[in-house]
Amino acid sequence: MKQQSKKKHAGVWLDNQKALIIANSSEMENSEYAVMEKIKAADHFGGGSEHSMNNAKQSDNQKYFKSVAGTLLNYDEILIFGPGKSQEQFQNYLHEDAQFGSKKITIDSAEQLTDPQMLAKVRNFFG
């Protein structure tokens, strides 16, 4: 019988090129964290004015964030980490989405990490 009070956790390593969703591989209490999904940002190739290129980049970012957010709807607590400003921008995106209003969202900066380092970071954060 499943416990309703069990919170589901996910970590998201995110930069402006790709996102890795890290979560428990099963409903069991002590199951290992694993990379559940990899999402690549759209590559924007284009010319035109600086203004139109900026608009296209903004639009691509919104699509990328929407795609990542869609994979996180089933989680109660979310850790967003990675290099640069992407995690702050993604956190702001989630705060604007009512579906994430009741979720606990934490951000942390991290440079490039190997997959095992990412898994350990998420496991240690939620452990």
C-alpha atoms as a PDB file:
ATOM      1  CA  MET A   1       0.000   0.000   0.000  1.00  0.00           C
ATOM      2  CA  LYS A   2       1.422   3.359  -1.040  1.00  0.00           C
ATOM      3  CA  GLN A   3       1.857   6.131   1.480  1.00  0.00           C
ATOM      4  CA  GLN A   4       0.296   9.386   0.363  1.00  0.00           C
ATOM      5  CA  SER A   5       2.700  11.473   2.445  1.00  0.00           C
ATOM      6  CA  LYS A   6       5.830  10.358   0.567  1.00  0.00           C
ATOM      7  CA  LYS A   7       7.265  13.347  -1.271  1.00  0.00           C
ATOM      8  CA  LYS A   8       8.790  12.837  -4.676  1.00  0.00           C
ATOM      9  CA  HIS A   9      12.138  14.513  -5.304  1.00  0.00           C
ATOM     10  CA  ALA A  10      13.904  15.450  -8.518  1.00  0.00           C
ATOM     11  CA  GLY A  11      17.155  17.159  -9.343  1.00  0.00           C
ATOM     12  CA  VAL A  12      17.659  19.072 -12.574  1.00  0.00           C
ATOM     13  CA  TRP A  13      21.140  19.797 -13.871  1.00  0.00           C
ATOM     14  CA  LEU A  14      20.567  22.633 -16.305  1.00  0.00           C
ATOM     15  CA  ASP A  15      22.572  24.877 -18.567  1.00  0.00           C
ATOM     16  CA  ASN A  16      21.597  26.682 -21.757  1.00  0.00           C
ATOM     17  CA  GLN A  17      22.285  23.582 -23.899  1.00  0.00           C
ATOM     18  CA  LYS A  18      20.739  20.635 -22.054  1.00  0.00           C
ATOM     19  CA  ALA A  19      18.940  19.487 -18.931  1.00  0.00           C
ATOM     20  CA  LEU A  20      19.231  16.182 -17.078  1.00  0.00           C
ATOM     21  CA  ILE A  21      16.356  15.103 -14.861  1.00  0.00           C
ATOM     22  CA  ILE A  22      17.587  13.008 -11.920  1.00  0.00           C
ATOM     23  CA  ALA A  23      15.088  11.185  -9.725  1.00  0.00           C
ATOM     24  CA  ASN A  24      14.482   7.947  -7.833  1.00  0.00           C
ATOM     25  CA  SER A  25      14.215   5.095 -10.264  1.00  0.00           C
ATOM     26  CA  SER A  26      11.227   3.623  -8.394  1.00  0.00           C
ATOM     27  CA  GLU A  27       8.701   4.357  -5.663  1.00  0.00           C
ATOM     28  CA  MET A  28      10.763   2.446  -3.102  1.00  0.00           C
ATOM     29  CA  GLU A  29      12.211   4.394  -0.174  1.00  0.00           C
ATOM     30  CA  ASN A  30      15.885   3.528  -0.714  1.00  0.00           C
ATOM     31  CA  SER A  31      16.003   3.226  -4.486  1.00  0.00           C
ATOM     32  CA  GLU A  32      18.925   4.778  -6.272  1.00  0.00           C
ATOM     33  CA  TYR A  33      18.769   8.070  -8.111  1.00  0.00           C
ATOM     34  CA  ALA A  34      19.240   7.854 -11.852  1.00  0.00           C
ATOM     35  CA  VAL A  35      19.123  10.111 -14.895  1.00  0.00           C
ATOM     36  CA  MET A  36      15.491   9.747 -15.945  1.00  0.00           C
ATOM     37  CA  GLU A  37      15.514  12.057 -18.929  1.00  0.00           C
ATOM     38  CA  LYS A  38      17.812  14.247 -21.029  1.00  0.00           C
ATOM     39  CA  ILE A  39      16.411  17.281 -22.797  1.00  0.00           C
ATOM     40  CA  LYS A  40      18.371  19.296 -25.346  1.00  0.00           C
ATOM     41  CA  ALA A  41      17.754  22.962 -26.004  1.00  0.00           C
ATOM     42  CA  ALA A  42      16.890  23.904 -29.574  1.00  0.00           C
ATOM     43  CA  ASP A  43      19.831  25.075 -31.620  1.00  0.00           C
ATOM     44  CA  HIS A  44      19.051  28.427 -33.146  1.00  0.00           C
ATOM     45  CA  PHE A  45      20.689  29.117 -36.458  1.00  0.00           C
ATOM     46  CA  GLY A  46      19.627  32.308 -38.016  1.00  0.00           C
ATOM     47  CA  GLY A  47      20.493  35.607 -39.429  1.00  0.00           C
ATOM     48  CA  GLY A  48      18.631  38.825 -39.443  1.00  0.00           C
ATOM     49  CA  SER A  49      18.753  41.751 -37.123  1.00  0.00           C
ATOM     50  CA  GLU A  50      20.013  41.568 -33.576  1.00  0.00           C
ATOM     51  CA  HIS A  51      16.448  42.194 -32.394  1.00  0.00           C
ATOM     52  CA  SER A  52      14.927  39.295 -34.355  1.00  0.00           C
ATOM     53  CA  MET A  53      17.744  36.954 -33.291  1.00  0.00           C
ATOM     54  CA  ASN A  54      17.170  37.932 -29.636  1.00  0.00           C
ATOM     55  CA  ASN A  55      13.417  37.290 -29.987  1.00  0.00           C
ATOM     56  CA  ALA A  56      14.093  33.874 -31.538  1.00  0.00           C
ATOM     57  CA  LYS A  57      16.501  33.024 -28.697  1.00  0.00           C
ATOM     58  CA  GLN A  58      13.902  34.073 -26.089  1.00  0.00           C
ATOM     59  CA  SER A  59      11.271  31.945 -27.810  1.00  0.00           C
ATOM     60  CA  ASP A  60      13.643  28.955 -27.930  1.00  0.00           C
ATOM     61  CA  ASN A  61      14.398  29.408 -24.208  1.00  0.00           C
ATOM     62  CA  GLN A  62      10.686  29.426 -23.368  1.00  0.00           C
ATOM     63  CA  LYS A  63      10.143  26.205 -25.352  1.00  0.00           C
ATOM     64  CA  TYR A  64      13.164  24.593 -23.663  1.00  0.00           C
ATOM     65  CA  PHE A  65      11.976  25.586 -20.173  1.00  0.00           C
ATOM     66  CA  LYS A  66       8.438  24.422 -20.944  1.00  0.00           C
ATOM     67  CA  SER A  67       9.756  21.033 -22.058  1.00  0.00           C
ATOM     68  CA  VAL A  68      11.856  20.631 -18.892  1.00  0.00           C
ATOM     69  CA  ALA A  69       9.013  21.850 -16.651  1.00  0.00           C
ATOM     70  CA  GLY A  70       6.652  19.277 -18.172  1.00  0.00           C
ATOM     71  CA  THR A  71       8.864  16.458 -16.895  1.00  0.00           C
ATOM     72  CA  LEU A  72       8.802  17.868 -13.350  1.00  0.00           C
ATOM     73  CA  LEU A  73       5.059  18.119 -12.729  1.00  0.00           C
ATOM     74  CA  ASN A  74       4.919  14.893 -10.678  1.00  0.00           C
ATOM     75  CA  TYR A  75       7.607  15.991  -8.199  1.00  0.00           C
ATOM     76  CA  ASP A  76       7.027  17.816  -4.910  1.00  0.00           C
ATOM     77  CA  GLU A  77      10.571  19.031  -4.280  1.00  0.00           C
ATOM     78  CA  ILE A  78      12.941  20.105  -7.038  1.00  0.00           C
ATOM     79  CA  LEU A  79      16.646  20.957  -6.913  1.00  0.00           C
ATOM     80  CA  ILE A  80      17.874  22.997  -9.897  1.00  0.00           C
ATOM     81  CA  PHE A  81      21.638  23.211 -10.305  1.00  0.00           C
ATOM     82  CA  GLY A  82      24.178  24.003 -12.978  1.00  0.00           C
ATOM     83  CA  PRO A  83      26.560  26.689 -14.227  1.00  0.00           C
ATOM     84  CA  GLY A  84      25.726  30.267 -15.150  1.00  0.00           C
ATOM     85  CA  LYS A  85      22.359  31.955 -14.841  1.00  0.00           C
ATOM     86  CA  SER A  86      20.181  29.246 -16.412  1.00  0.00           C
ATOM     87  CA  GLN A  87      18.978  27.831 -13.105  1.00  0.00           C
ATOM     88  CA  GLU A  88      17.813  31.283 -11.896  1.00  0.00           C
ATOM     89  CA  GLN A  89      15.995  31.885 -15.163  1.00  0.00           C
ATOM     90  CA  PHE A  90      14.365  28.445 -14.958  1.00  0.00           C
ATOM     91  CA  GLN A  91      13.356  29.008 -11.317  1.00  0.00           C
ATOM     92  CA  ASN A  92      11.706  32.293 -12.342  1.00  0.00           C
ATOM     93  CA  TYR A  93       9.933  30.475 -15.165  1.00  0.00           C
ATOM     94  CA  LEU A  94       8.579  27.870 -12.697  1.00  0.00           C
ATOM     95  CA  HIS A  95       7.461  30.550 -10.221  1.00  0.00           C
ATOM     96  CA  GLU A  96       5.322  32.087 -12.987  1.00  0.00           C
ATOM     97  CA  ASP A  97       3.611  28.724 -13.590  1.00  0.00           C
ATOM     98  CA  ALA A  98       0.711  28.097 -11.187  1.00  0.00           C
ATOM     99  CA  GLN A  99       1.268  24.318 -11.414  1.00  0.00           C
ATOM    100  CA  PHE A 100       4.520  24.798  -9.480  1.00  0.00           C
ATOM    101  CA  GLY A 101       3.080  27.098  -6.799  1.00  0.00           C
ATOM    102  CA  SER A 102       2.962  24.427  -4.082  1.00  0.00           C
ATOM    103  CA  LYS A 103       6.296  22.804  -4.920  1.00  0.00           C
ATOM    104  CA  LYS A 104       9.517  23.435  -3.023  1.00  0.00           C
ATOM    105  CA  ILE A 105      12.122  24.649  -5.504  1.00  0.00           C
ATOM    106  CA  THR A 106      15.772  25.172  -4.560  1.00  0.00           C
ATOM    107  CA  ILE A 107      18.604  26.396  -6.773  1.00  0.00           C
ATOM    108  CA  ASP A 108      22.311  25.817  -6.395  1.00  0.00           C
ATOM    109  CA  SER A 109      25.222  26.647  -8.650  1.00  0.00           C
ATOM    110  CA  ALA A 110      27.563  23.943  -9.903  1.00  0.00           C
ATOM    111  CA  GLU A 111      30.145  23.778 -12.636  1.00  0.00           C
ATOM    112  CA  GLN A 112      30.358  20.960 -15.145  1.00  0.00           C
ATOM    113  CA  LEU A 113      29.888  17.670 -13.284  1.00  0.00           C
ATOM    114  CA  THR A 114      30.146  14.058 -14.352  1.00  0.00           C
ATOM    115  CA  ASP A 115      26.970  11.963 -14.242  1.00  0.00           C
ATOM    116  CA  PRO A 116      28.065  10.202 -11.003  1.00  0.00           C
ATOM    117  CA  GLN A 117      28.807  13.606  -9.396  1.00  0.00           C
ATOM    118  CA  MET A 118      25.340  14.863 -10.397  1.00  0.00           C
ATOM    119  CA  LEU A 119      23.688  11.744  -8.973  1.00  0.00           C
ATOM    120  CA  ALA A 120      25.647  12.116  -5.718  1.00  0.00           C
ATOM    121  CA  LYS A 121      24.685  15.792  -5.430  1.00  0.00           C
ATOM    122  CA  VAL A 122      20.966  15.010  -5.751  1.00  0.00           C
ATOM    123  CA  ARG A 123      21.187  12.006  -3.426  1.00  0.00           C
ATOM    124  CA  ASN A 124      23.039  14.061  -0.783  1.00  0.00           C
ATOM    125  CA  PHE A 125      20.649  17.001  -1.100  1.00  0.00           C
ATOM    126  CA  PHE A 126      17.511  14.906  -0.585  1.00  0.00           C
ATOM    127  CA  GLY A 127      19.155  12.267   1.609  1.00  0.00           C
END
